Protein backbone atom coordinates (compact mmCIF):
# COMPACT_ATOMS: atom_id res chain seq x y z
CA UNK A 1 -89.46 -121.39 45.13
CA UNK A 2 -88.20 -120.14 41.79
CA UNK A 3 -89.22 -116.59 42.56
CA UNK A 4 -87.22 -116.51 45.78
CA UNK A 5 -84.24 -117.86 44.01
CA UNK A 6 -84.42 -115.13 41.31
CA UNK A 7 -84.64 -112.48 43.98
CA UNK A 8 -81.39 -113.76 45.43
CA UNK A 9 -79.55 -113.35 42.22
CA UNK A 10 -80.12 -109.87 40.75
CA UNK A 11 -79.00 -109.10 37.33
CA UNK A 12 -77.47 -105.69 38.06
CA UNK A 13 -77.61 -102.92 40.76
CA UNK A 14 -77.23 -99.21 40.46
CA UNK A 15 -76.87 -97.88 43.95
CA UNK A 16 -75.95 -94.22 43.18
CA UNK A 17 -77.14 -93.34 39.71
CA UNK A 18 -80.85 -92.25 39.58
CA UNK A 19 -82.72 -93.23 36.45
CA UNK A 20 -86.10 -91.62 36.28
CA UNK A 21 -86.96 -92.98 32.80
CA UNK A 22 -87.83 -89.36 31.58
CA UNK A 23 -84.61 -88.63 30.00
CA UNK A 24 -81.12 -87.59 30.88
CA UNK A 25 -81.89 -83.97 32.16
CA UNK A 26 -84.54 -85.30 34.59
CA UNK A 27 -81.99 -88.03 35.68
CA UNK A 28 -79.66 -85.30 36.55
CA UNK A 29 -82.26 -83.41 38.52
CA UNK A 30 -83.14 -86.74 40.40
CA UNK A 31 -79.53 -87.37 41.00
CA UNK A 32 -79.18 -84.16 42.80
CA UNK A 33 -82.40 -84.15 44.74
CA UNK A 34 -81.73 -87.74 45.88
CA UNK A 35 -78.10 -87.32 46.79
CA UNK A 36 -77.93 -85.84 50.44
CA UNK A 37 -74.10 -85.30 50.02
CA UNK A 38 -74.83 -82.95 47.31
CA UNK A 39 -78.28 -81.60 48.16
CA UNK A 40 -77.56 -80.62 51.96
CA UNK A 41 -74.16 -79.12 51.10
CA UNK A 42 -75.52 -77.03 48.22
CA UNK A 43 -78.32 -75.70 50.29
CA UNK A 44 -75.93 -75.02 53.28
CA UNK A 45 -73.76 -72.93 50.88
CA UNK A 46 -76.77 -71.05 49.67
CA UNK A 47 -78.01 -70.33 53.17
CA UNK A 48 -74.54 -68.90 53.89
CA UNK A 49 -74.52 -66.80 50.77
CA UNK A 50 -78.06 -65.51 51.90
CA UNK A 51 -76.58 -64.62 55.33
CA UNK A 52 -73.89 -62.55 53.67
CA UNK A 53 -76.47 -60.46 51.77
CA UNK A 54 -78.24 -60.21 48.56
CA UNK A 55 -74.99 -59.56 46.49
CA UNK A 56 -73.46 -62.73 47.61
CA UNK A 57 -76.70 -64.66 47.07
CA UNK A 58 -76.97 -63.43 43.65
CA UNK A 59 -73.34 -64.19 42.61
CA UNK A 60 -73.53 -67.65 44.20
CA UNK A 61 -76.77 -68.35 42.41
CA UNK A 62 -74.82 -68.03 39.17
CA UNK A 63 -71.33 -69.18 40.03
CA UNK A 64 -72.29 -72.37 41.88
CA UNK A 65 -74.16 -74.08 39.07
CA UNK A 66 -71.57 -72.93 36.44
CA UNK A 67 -68.67 -74.23 38.55
CA UNK A 68 -70.55 -77.43 39.11
CA UNK A 69 -71.04 -77.91 35.38
CA UNK A 70 -67.31 -77.23 34.72
CA UNK A 71 -66.29 -79.81 37.45
CA UNK A 72 -68.87 -82.22 36.10
CA UNK A 73 -67.41 -81.91 32.61
CA UNK A 74 -63.94 -82.69 34.14
CA UNK A 75 -65.37 -85.64 35.96
CA UNK A 76 -66.74 -87.02 32.71
CA UNK A 77 -63.37 -86.97 31.18
CA UNK A 78 -61.37 -88.27 34.19
CA UNK A 79 -63.64 -91.03 35.43
CA UNK A 80 -61.74 -91.55 38.61
CA UNK A 81 -62.98 -90.90 42.15
CA UNK A 82 -60.64 -89.14 44.58
CA UNK A 83 -60.02 -90.61 47.98
CA UNK A 84 -60.38 -87.37 49.71
CA UNK A 85 -63.59 -86.94 51.79
CA UNK A 86 -64.99 -84.13 49.72
CA UNK A 87 -68.54 -84.36 51.09
CA UNK A 88 -67.33 -84.40 54.68
CA UNK A 89 -65.21 -81.34 54.26
CA UNK A 90 -68.05 -79.46 52.34
CA UNK A 91 -70.51 -80.24 55.26
CA UNK A 92 -67.91 -79.07 57.76
CA UNK A 93 -66.92 -75.89 55.91
CA UNK A 94 -70.42 -74.77 54.87
CA UNK A 95 -72.08 -75.94 58.15
CA UNK A 96 -69.42 -74.17 60.30
CA UNK A 97 -69.68 -70.82 58.26
CA UNK A 98 -73.65 -70.81 58.54
CA UNK A 99 -73.42 -71.84 62.35
CA UNK A 100 -70.92 -69.10 63.14
CA UNK A 101 -72.56 -66.64 60.87
CA UNK A 102 -68.89 -65.83 60.06
CA UNK A 103 -68.27 -62.71 57.99
CA UNK A 104 -66.40 -63.13 54.68
CA UNK A 105 -66.28 -60.53 51.92
CA UNK A 106 -68.31 -61.14 48.72
CA UNK A 107 -65.29 -62.02 46.73
CA UNK A 108 -64.34 -64.89 49.27
CA UNK A 109 -67.91 -66.13 49.25
CA UNK A 110 -67.62 -66.37 45.41
CA UNK A 111 -64.38 -68.22 45.54
CA UNK A 112 -65.90 -70.65 48.09
CA UNK A 113 -68.84 -71.21 45.60
CA UNK A 114 -66.47 -71.91 42.65
CA UNK A 115 -64.36 -74.35 44.66
CA UNK A 116 -67.36 -76.04 46.21
CA UNK A 117 -69.21 -76.35 42.81
CA UNK A 118 -66.06 -77.64 40.94
CA UNK A 119 -65.45 -80.38 43.61
CA UNK A 120 -68.97 -81.70 43.75
CA UNK A 121 -69.51 -81.26 40.06
CA UNK A 122 -66.33 -83.50 39.48
CA UNK A 123 -67.86 -86.23 41.71
CA UNK A 124 -71.18 -85.97 39.95
CA UNK A 125 -69.44 -86.11 36.63
CA UNK A 126 -67.84 -89.38 37.61
CA UNK A 127 -71.13 -90.73 38.80
CA UNK A 128 -72.94 -89.74 35.66
CA UNK A 129 -70.33 -90.97 33.28
CA UNK A 130 -72.08 -94.14 32.48
CA UNK A 131 -75.68 -92.71 32.43
CA UNK A 132 -76.97 -89.19 31.83
CA UNK A 133 -73.63 -87.67 30.90
CA UNK A 134 -73.66 -83.98 29.94
CA UNK A 135 -77.30 -83.70 29.93
CA UNK A 136 -77.54 -84.89 33.42
CA UNK A 137 -75.09 -82.30 34.36
CA UNK A 138 -77.27 -79.59 32.80
CA UNK A 139 -80.25 -80.93 34.82
CA UNK A 140 -78.21 -80.54 37.95
CA UNK A 141 -77.04 -77.09 37.07
CA UNK A 142 -80.73 -76.11 36.45
CA UNK A 143 -81.79 -77.53 39.72
CA UNK A 144 -78.97 -75.96 41.53
CA UNK A 145 -79.76 -72.43 40.10
CA UNK A 146 -83.44 -72.85 41.40
CA UNK A 147 -82.45 -74.26 44.84
CA UNK A 148 -79.69 -71.58 45.38
CA UNK A 149 -81.98 -68.70 44.35
CA UNK A 150 -84.87 -69.80 46.70
CA UNK A 151 -82.65 -70.55 49.59
CA UNK A 152 -80.54 -67.54 49.43
CA UNK A 153 -83.58 -65.34 48.80
CA UNK A 154 -85.34 -66.92 51.83
CA UNK A 155 -82.38 -66.03 54.14
CA UNK A 156 -82.02 -62.55 52.73
CA UNK A 157 -85.70 -61.83 53.42
CA UNK A 158 -85.49 -62.75 57.02
CA UNK A 159 -85.65 -59.78 59.32
CA UNK A 160 -86.31 -61.31 62.82
CA UNK A 161 -83.19 -62.30 64.74
CA UNK A 162 -84.83 -65.67 65.89
CA UNK A 163 -85.26 -66.53 62.11
CA UNK A 164 -81.47 -65.99 61.35
CA UNK A 165 -80.79 -68.22 64.57
CA UNK A 166 -82.89 -70.86 63.06
CA UNK A 167 -80.71 -70.75 59.94
CA UNK A 168 -77.65 -70.77 61.97
CA UNK A 169 -79.01 -73.94 63.82
CA UNK A 170 -79.35 -75.74 60.61
CA UNK A 171 -75.59 -74.82 59.90
CA UNK A 172 -74.71 -76.44 63.14
CA UNK A 173 -76.60 -79.69 62.24
CA UNK A 174 -74.78 -79.85 58.92
CA UNK A 175 -71.49 -79.31 60.61
CA UNK A 176 -72.30 -82.19 63.10
CA UNK A 177 -73.20 -84.45 60.00
CA UNK A 178 -69.96 -83.48 58.48
CA UNK A 179 -68.17 -84.65 61.67
CA UNK A 180 -70.00 -87.96 61.42
CA UNK A 181 -69.19 -88.34 57.78
CA UNK A 182 -65.45 -87.69 58.47
CA UNK A 183 -65.47 -90.24 61.33
CA UNK A 184 -66.80 -92.74 59.05
CA UNK A 185 -64.16 -91.99 56.39
CA UNK A 186 -61.37 -92.23 58.85
CA UNK A 187 -62.80 -95.43 60.22
CA UNK A 188 -63.07 -97.04 56.78
CA UNK A 189 -59.47 -95.89 55.94
CA UNK A 190 -57.99 -97.96 58.76
């Protein structure tokens, strides 16, 4: 009976921050890999950069993690979450671009990566403020570099038209998830 009572009164809860117990860099890596709002959106952006060609993929591979780090540092300093649905908009934009295979010049893809990285990095900086801090952001940056490199390179290497269509289908699913997220945000705002 005492065991059941102790389960009903937990001492603390950490719903968003991932603590691996292996150090702050690994906490950042775990945070990225276990946060679908960041992971799916970053992969979707990497797929879009790969659809735009090897130059866009390479530049996004470097700019996205760097912008994420800068945004994260700003989030560590500010420590206030915005009320704007950043994740939903990211899913809608990147998913829509991938699904439509919309042409954008390399410079526009770079700007998209910088804006996207800064916005998501800011949210991660706020989330990691009480835990892993700057070292957690470095872990996220390392993992983003690896994921972006692999995803963009995979798409660049696709030669068959059906394979590019499969990538575009993943974009349509990302877009659909973004619509659901936006609907939930609007419903909660009422």
